[in-house]
């Protein structure tokens, strides 16, 4: 599904990704600190196998946004949002919110009533985004234990807090 969104004078189109988007997704995530980029192969798989739960945003034939997400096994009412990336030039224009609302409004995801994600304590921008998103949905927001720093070995990675939004009523596209 292609949706035209007017964020500026240039239209932005939201759609499911294809494997051909993977290299551009990788470049976008690599430029989107503090996100941890995965391999291009990982993004090929996300854009192919998980295209129904991922979304890209394009403006003037350039990829300017990406959300990767999936349905955890055995939890058909929950979507886990893995990464949200927005090109620096498109930030502060509600693109991430529009992408996530559009994703949640897909017919194939009509059974969703809960969103989960993990965020490091130092990533205040992501924490604020998900709190605001919960508020827009009129849904409860909570944080809890996610993945402790010890799971990341000697990498020096912060713990990942589990964020839960929901239950919520299915979002509608705008």
C-alpha atoms as a PDB file:
ATOM      1  CA  UNK A   1       0.000   0.000   0.000  1.00  0.00           C
ATOM      2  CA  UNK A   2       1.357   3.414  -0.922  1.00  0.00           C
ATOM      3  CA  UNK A   3       0.197   6.381   1.090  1.00  0.00           C
ATOM      4  CA  UNK A   4       0.998   9.965   0.213  1.00  0.00           C
ATOM      5  CA  UNK A   5       1.858  12.077   3.241  1.00  0.00           C
ATOM      6  CA  UNK A   6       2.621  15.775   2.996  1.00  0.00           C
ATOM      7  CA  UNK A   7       5.300  16.621   5.566  1.00  0.00           C
ATOM      8  CA  UNK A   8       6.740  19.529   3.631  1.00  0.00           C
ATOM      9  CA  UNK A   9       6.252  20.690   0.079  1.00  0.00           C
ATOM     10  CA  UNK A  10       7.758  17.340  -0.979  1.00  0.00           C
ATOM     11  CA  UNK A  11       5.472  14.292  -0.737  1.00  0.00           C
ATOM     12  CA  UNK A  12       6.480  11.289   1.324  1.00  0.00           C
ATOM     13  CA  UNK A  13       5.264   7.836   0.356  1.00  0.00           C
ATOM     14  CA  UNK A  14       4.858   5.031   2.889  1.00  0.00           C
ATOM     15  CA  UNK A  15       4.989   1.418   1.730  1.00  0.00           C
ATOM     16  CA  UNK A  16       6.086  -2.092   2.594  1.00  0.00           C
ATOM     17  CA  UNK A  17       9.789  -2.619   1.847  1.00  0.00           C
ATOM     18  CA  UNK A  18      11.293  -4.955  -0.738  1.00  0.00           C
ATOM     19  CA  UNK A  19      14.714  -6.635  -0.699  1.00  0.00           C
ATOM     20  CA  UNK A  20      15.882  -3.911  -3.115  1.00  0.00           C
ATOM     21  CA  UNK A  21      15.529  -1.408  -0.243  1.00  0.00           C
ATOM     22  CA  UNK A  22      17.960  -3.244   2.060  1.00  0.00           C
ATOM     23  CA  UNK A  23      21.174  -1.396   1.116  1.00  0.00           C
ATOM     24  CA  UNK A  24      19.432   1.975   1.503  1.00  0.00           C
ATOM     25  CA  UNK A  25      17.962   0.867   4.828  1.00  0.00           C
ATOM     26  CA  UNK A  26      21.444  -0.121   5.995  1.00  0.00           C
ATOM     27  CA  UNK A  27      22.815   3.305   5.000  1.00  0.00           C
ATOM     28  CA  UNK A  28      19.944   5.093   6.768  1.00  0.00           C
ATOM     29  CA  UNK A  29      20.381   3.090   9.993  1.00  0.00           C
ATOM     30  CA  UNK A  30      24.162   3.564   9.897  1.00  0.00           C
ATOM     31  CA  UNK A  31      23.614   7.355   9.794  1.00  0.00           C
ATOM     32  CA  UNK A  32      20.946   7.254  12.526  1.00  0.00           C
ATOM     33  CA  UNK A  33      22.878   7.324  15.787  1.00  0.00           C
ATOM     34  CA  UNK A  34      22.520   5.797  18.334  1.00  0.00           C
ATOM     35  CA  UNK A  35      21.006   2.874  16.369  1.00  0.00           C
ATOM     36  CA  UNK A  36      23.174  -0.207  15.948  1.00  0.00           C
ATOM     37  CA  UNK A  37      23.336  -1.135  12.266  1.00  0.00           C
ATOM     38  CA  UNK A  38      22.883  -4.765  11.337  1.00  0.00           C
ATOM     39  CA  UNK A  39      24.281  -6.419   8.219  1.00  0.00           C
ATOM     40  CA  UNK A  40      22.827  -5.662   4.797  1.00  0.00           C
ATOM     41  CA  UNK A  41      21.815  -9.332   4.699  1.00  0.00           C
ATOM     42  CA  UNK A  42      19.767  -8.840   7.871  1.00  0.00           C
ATOM     43  CA  UNK A  43      17.962  -5.927   6.204  1.00  0.00           C
ATOM     44  CA  UNK A  44      17.361  -8.045   3.082  1.00  0.00           C
ATOM     45  CA  UNK A  45      15.627 -10.611   5.296  1.00  0.00           C
ATOM     46  CA  UNK A  46      13.625  -7.947   7.133  1.00  0.00           C
ATOM     47  CA  UNK A  47      12.543  -6.329   3.857  1.00  0.00           C
ATOM     48  CA  UNK A  48      11.572  -9.710   2.414  1.00  0.00           C
ATOM     49  CA  UNK A  49      10.416 -12.100   5.155  1.00  0.00           C
ATOM     50  CA  UNK A  50       9.027  -9.399   7.465  1.00  0.00           C
ATOM     51  CA  UNK A  51       7.735  -6.908   4.892  1.00  0.00           C
ATOM     52  CA  UNK A  52       4.204  -7.075   6.345  1.00  0.00           C
ATOM     53  CA  UNK A  53       5.507  -5.742   9.675  1.00  0.00           C
ATOM     54  CA  UNK A  54       8.105  -3.286   8.320  1.00  0.00           C
ATOM     55  CA  UNK A  55       7.630   0.047   6.555  1.00  0.00           C
ATOM     56  CA  UNK A  56       9.728   2.467   4.532  1.00  0.00           C
ATOM     57  CA  UNK A  57       9.209   6.133   3.721  1.00  0.00           C
ATOM     58  CA  UNK A  58      10.389   7.644   0.442  1.00  0.00           C
ATOM     59  CA  UNK A  59      10.682  11.241  -0.700  1.00  0.00           C
ATOM     60  CA  UNK A  60      11.938  12.166  -4.156  1.00  0.00           C
ATOM     61  CA  UNK A  61      13.039   8.539  -4.755  1.00  0.00           C
ATOM     62  CA  UNK A  62      15.176   8.597  -1.592  1.00  0.00           C
ATOM     63  CA  UNK A  63      14.562   6.342   1.391  1.00  0.00           C
ATOM     64  CA  UNK A  64      14.010   8.705   4.351  1.00  0.00           C
ATOM     65  CA  UNK A  65      12.472   6.427   6.971  1.00  0.00           C
ATOM     66  CA  UNK A  66      12.343   2.800   8.083  1.00  0.00           C
ATOM     67  CA  UNK A  67      10.682   0.827  10.852  1.00  0.00           C
ATOM     68  CA  UNK A  68      11.484  -2.819  11.390  1.00  0.00           C
ATOM     69  CA  UNK A  69       9.091  -4.866  13.470  1.00  0.00           C
ATOM     70  CA  UNK A  70       7.820  -8.421  13.834  1.00  0.00           C
ATOM     71  CA  UNK A  71       5.172 -10.473  15.605  1.00  0.00           C
ATOM     72  CA  UNK A  72       6.852 -12.464  18.415  1.00  0.00           C
ATOM     73  CA  UNK A  73       6.167 -16.220  18.158  1.00  0.00           C
ATOM     74  CA  UNK A  74       2.973 -17.211  19.957  1.00  0.00           C
ATOM     75  CA  UNK A  75       1.906 -13.588  20.600  1.00  0.00           C
ATOM     76  CA  UNK A  76      -0.400 -12.643  17.723  1.00  0.00           C
ATOM     77  CA  UNK A  77      -1.709  -9.555  19.531  1.00  0.00           C
ATOM     78  CA  UNK A  78       1.768  -7.967  19.936  1.00  0.00           C
ATOM     79  CA  UNK A  79       4.170  -6.287  17.555  1.00  0.00           C
ATOM     80  CA  UNK A  80       7.794  -5.844  18.570  1.00  0.00           C
ATOM     81  CA  UNK A  81       9.348  -2.708  17.055  1.00  0.00           C
ATOM     82  CA  UNK A  82      13.042  -3.352  16.484  1.00  0.00           C
ATOM     83  CA  UNK A  83      14.329  -0.153  14.882  1.00  0.00           C
ATOM     84  CA  UNK A  84      12.917   3.256  13.965  1.00  0.00           C
ATOM     85  CA  UNK A  85      15.140   5.327  11.678  1.00  0.00           C
ATOM     86  CA  UNK A  86      14.369   8.726  10.156  1.00  0.00           C
ATOM     87  CA  UNK A  87      16.757  10.650   7.942  1.00  0.00           C
ATOM     88  CA  UNK A  88      18.140  13.687   9.769  1.00  0.00           C
ATOM     89  CA  UNK A  89      16.633  16.073   7.201  1.00  0.00           C
ATOM     90  CA  UNK A  90      13.150  14.649   7.916  1.00  0.00           C
ATOM     91  CA  UNK A  91      13.229  14.685  11.720  1.00  0.00           C
ATOM     92  CA  UNK A  92      10.823  16.714  13.857  1.00  0.00           C
ATOM     93  CA  UNK A  93       8.079  16.369  11.232  1.00  0.00           C
ATOM     94  CA  UNK A  94       6.134  13.455  12.773  1.00  0.00           C
ATOM     95  CA  UNK A  95       7.368  11.002  10.132  1.00  0.00           C
ATOM     96  CA  UNK A  96       8.099   8.243  12.658  1.00  0.00           C
ATOM     97  CA  UNK A  97       4.600   8.627  14.127  1.00  0.00           C
ATOM     98  CA  UNK A  98       2.987   8.530  10.685  1.00  0.00           C
ATOM     99  CA  UNK A  99       4.989   5.442   9.710  1.00  0.00           C
ATOM    100  CA  UNK A 100       4.118   3.600  12.917  1.00  0.00           C
ATOM    101  CA  UNK A 101       0.409   4.513  12.722  1.00  0.00           C
ATOM    102  CA  UNK A 102       0.300   3.418   9.089  1.00  0.00           C
ATOM    103  CA  UNK A 103       2.011   0.146   9.947  1.00  0.00           C
ATOM    104  CA  UNK A 104      -0.422  -0.598  12.785  1.00  0.00           C
ATOM    105  CA  UNK A 105      -3.385   0.179  10.515  1.00  0.00           C
ATOM    106  CA  UNK A 106      -2.538  -2.524   7.956  1.00  0.00           C
ATOM    107  CA  UNK A 107      -5.342  -5.038   7.490  1.00  0.00           C
ATOM    108  CA  UNK A 108      -2.993  -7.980   8.046  1.00  0.00           C
ATOM    109  CA  UNK A 109      -2.140  -6.578  11.495  1.00  0.00           C
ATOM    110  CA  UNK A 110      -5.732  -6.025  12.636  1.00  0.00           C
ATOM    111  CA  UNK A 111      -5.329  -8.350  15.639  1.00  0.00           C
ATOM    112  CA  UNK A 112      -2.665  -6.194  17.308  1.00  0.00           C
ATOM    113  CA  UNK A 113      -3.441  -4.615  20.658  1.00  0.00           C
ATOM    114  CA  UNK A 114       0.027  -4.219  22.140  1.00  0.00           C
ATOM    115  CA  UNK A 115       3.391  -2.805  21.034  1.00  0.00           C
ATOM    116  CA  UNK A 116       6.708  -3.694  22.617  1.00  0.00           C
ATOM    117  CA  UNK A 117      10.193  -2.381  22.009  1.00  0.00           C
ATOM    118  CA  UNK A 118      13.455  -1.998  23.877  1.00  0.00           C
ATOM    119  CA  UNK A 119      15.329   1.250  24.437  1.00  0.00           C
ATOM    120  CA  UNK A 120      18.570   2.027  26.252  1.00  0.00           C
ATOM    121  CA  UNK A 121      18.176   4.366  29.242  1.00  0.00           C
ATOM    122  CA  UNK A 122      20.377   6.998  27.560  1.00  0.00           C
ATOM    123  CA  UNK A 123      18.232   7.126  24.402  1.00  0.00           C
ATOM    124  CA  UNK A 124      15.936   9.885  25.619  1.00  0.00           C
ATOM    125  CA  UNK A 125      14.691  10.696  22.112  1.00  0.00           C
ATOM    126  CA  UNK A 126      13.323   7.176  21.574  1.00  0.00           C
ATOM    127  CA  UNK A 127      11.865   7.050  25.069  1.00  0.00           C
ATOM    128  CA  UNK A 128      10.055  10.370  24.485  1.00  0.00           C
ATOM    129  CA  UNK A 129       8.841   9.189  21.059  1.00  0.00           C
ATOM    130  CA  UNK A 130       7.265   6.010  22.421  1.00  0.00           C
ATOM    131  CA  UNK A 131       5.697   7.843  25.396  1.00  0.00           C
ATOM    132  CA  UNK A 132       4.161  10.368  23.001  1.00  0.00           C
ATOM    133  CA  UNK A 133       2.998   7.581  20.689  1.00  0.00           C
ATOM    134  CA  UNK A 134       1.261   5.809  23.583  1.00  0.00           C
ATOM    135  CA  UNK A 135      -0.439   9.072  24.467  1.00  0.00           C
ATOM    136  CA  UNK A 136      -1.644   9.537  20.868  1.00  0.00           C
ATOM    137  CA  UNK A 137      -3.126   6.039  20.974  1.00  0.00           C
ATOM    138  CA  UNK A 138      -4.666   6.693  24.390  1.00  0.00           C
ATOM    139  CA  UNK A 139      -2.875   3.583  25.607  1.00  0.00           C
ATOM    140  CA  UNK A 140      -0.954   2.728  28.779  1.00  0.00           C
ATOM    141  CA  UNK A 141       2.855   3.076  28.646  1.00  0.00           C
ATOM    142  CA  UNK A 142       5.150   1.073  30.900  1.00  0.00           C
ATOM    143  CA  UNK A 143       8.826   0.194  31.173  1.00  0.00           C
ATOM    144  CA  UNK A 144      10.360  -2.888  32.676  1.00  0.00           C
ATOM    145  CA  UNK A 145      13.323  -5.166  32.585  1.00  0.00           C
ATOM    146  CA  UNK A 146      14.350  -6.060  29.046  1.00  0.00           C
ATOM    147  CA  UNK A 147      17.855  -7.247  28.225  1.00  0.00           C
ATOM    148  CA  UNK A 148      20.580  -6.649  30.795  1.00  0.00           C
ATOM    149  CA  UNK A 149      23.991  -5.254  29.839  1.00  0.00           C
ATOM    150  CA  UNK A 150      25.597  -8.575  30.774  1.00  0.00           C
ATOM    151  CA  UNK A 151      23.893 -10.234  27.798  1.00  0.00           C
ATOM    152  CA  UNK A 152      25.955  -8.087  25.411  1.00  0.00           C
ATOM    153  CA  UNK A 153      29.300  -9.512  26.557  1.00  0.00           C
ATOM    154  CA  UNK A 154      32.299  -7.199  26.549  1.00  0.00           C
ATOM    155  CA  UNK A 155      30.674  -4.836  24.065  1.00  0.00           C
ATOM    156  CA  UNK A 156      29.945  -2.224  26.737  1.00  0.00           C
ATOM    157  CA  UNK A 157      26.315  -2.019  25.575  1.00  0.00           C
ATOM    158  CA  UNK A 158      23.789  -0.492  27.961  1.00  0.00           C
ATOM    159  CA  UNK A 159      20.855  -2.502  29.193  1.00  0.00           C
ATOM    160  CA  UNK A 160      17.757  -2.436  27.006  1.00  0.00           C
ATOM    161  CA  UNK A 161      14.594  -1.491  28.877  1.00  0.00           C
ATOM    162  CA  UNK A 162      11.382  -3.170  27.726  1.00  0.00           C
ATOM    163  CA  UNK A 163       8.693  -0.678  26.761  1.00  0.00           C
ATOM    164  CA  UNK A 164       5.099  -1.850  26.507  1.00  0.00           C
ATOM    165  CA  UNK A 165       2.301   0.198  24.962  1.00  0.00           C
ATOM    166  CA  UNK A 166      -1.176  -1.184  25.299  1.00  0.00           C
ATOM    167  CA  UNK A 167      -3.619  -2.528  25.175  1.00  0.00           C
ATOM    168  CA  UNK A 168      -4.750  -0.114  22.459  1.00  0.00           C
ATOM    169  CA  UNK A 169      -7.479   0.153  19.886  1.00  0.00           C
ATOM    170  CA  UNK A 170      -6.143  -0.417  16.388  1.00  0.00           C
ATOM    171  CA  UNK A 171      -4.643   2.739  14.865  1.00  0.00           C
ATOM    172  CA  UNK A 172      -6.155   4.236  11.720  1.00  0.00           C
ATOM    173  CA  UNK A 173      -4.090   5.786   8.921  1.00  0.00           C
ATOM    174  CA  UNK A 174      -4.049   9.550   8.562  1.00  0.00           C
END
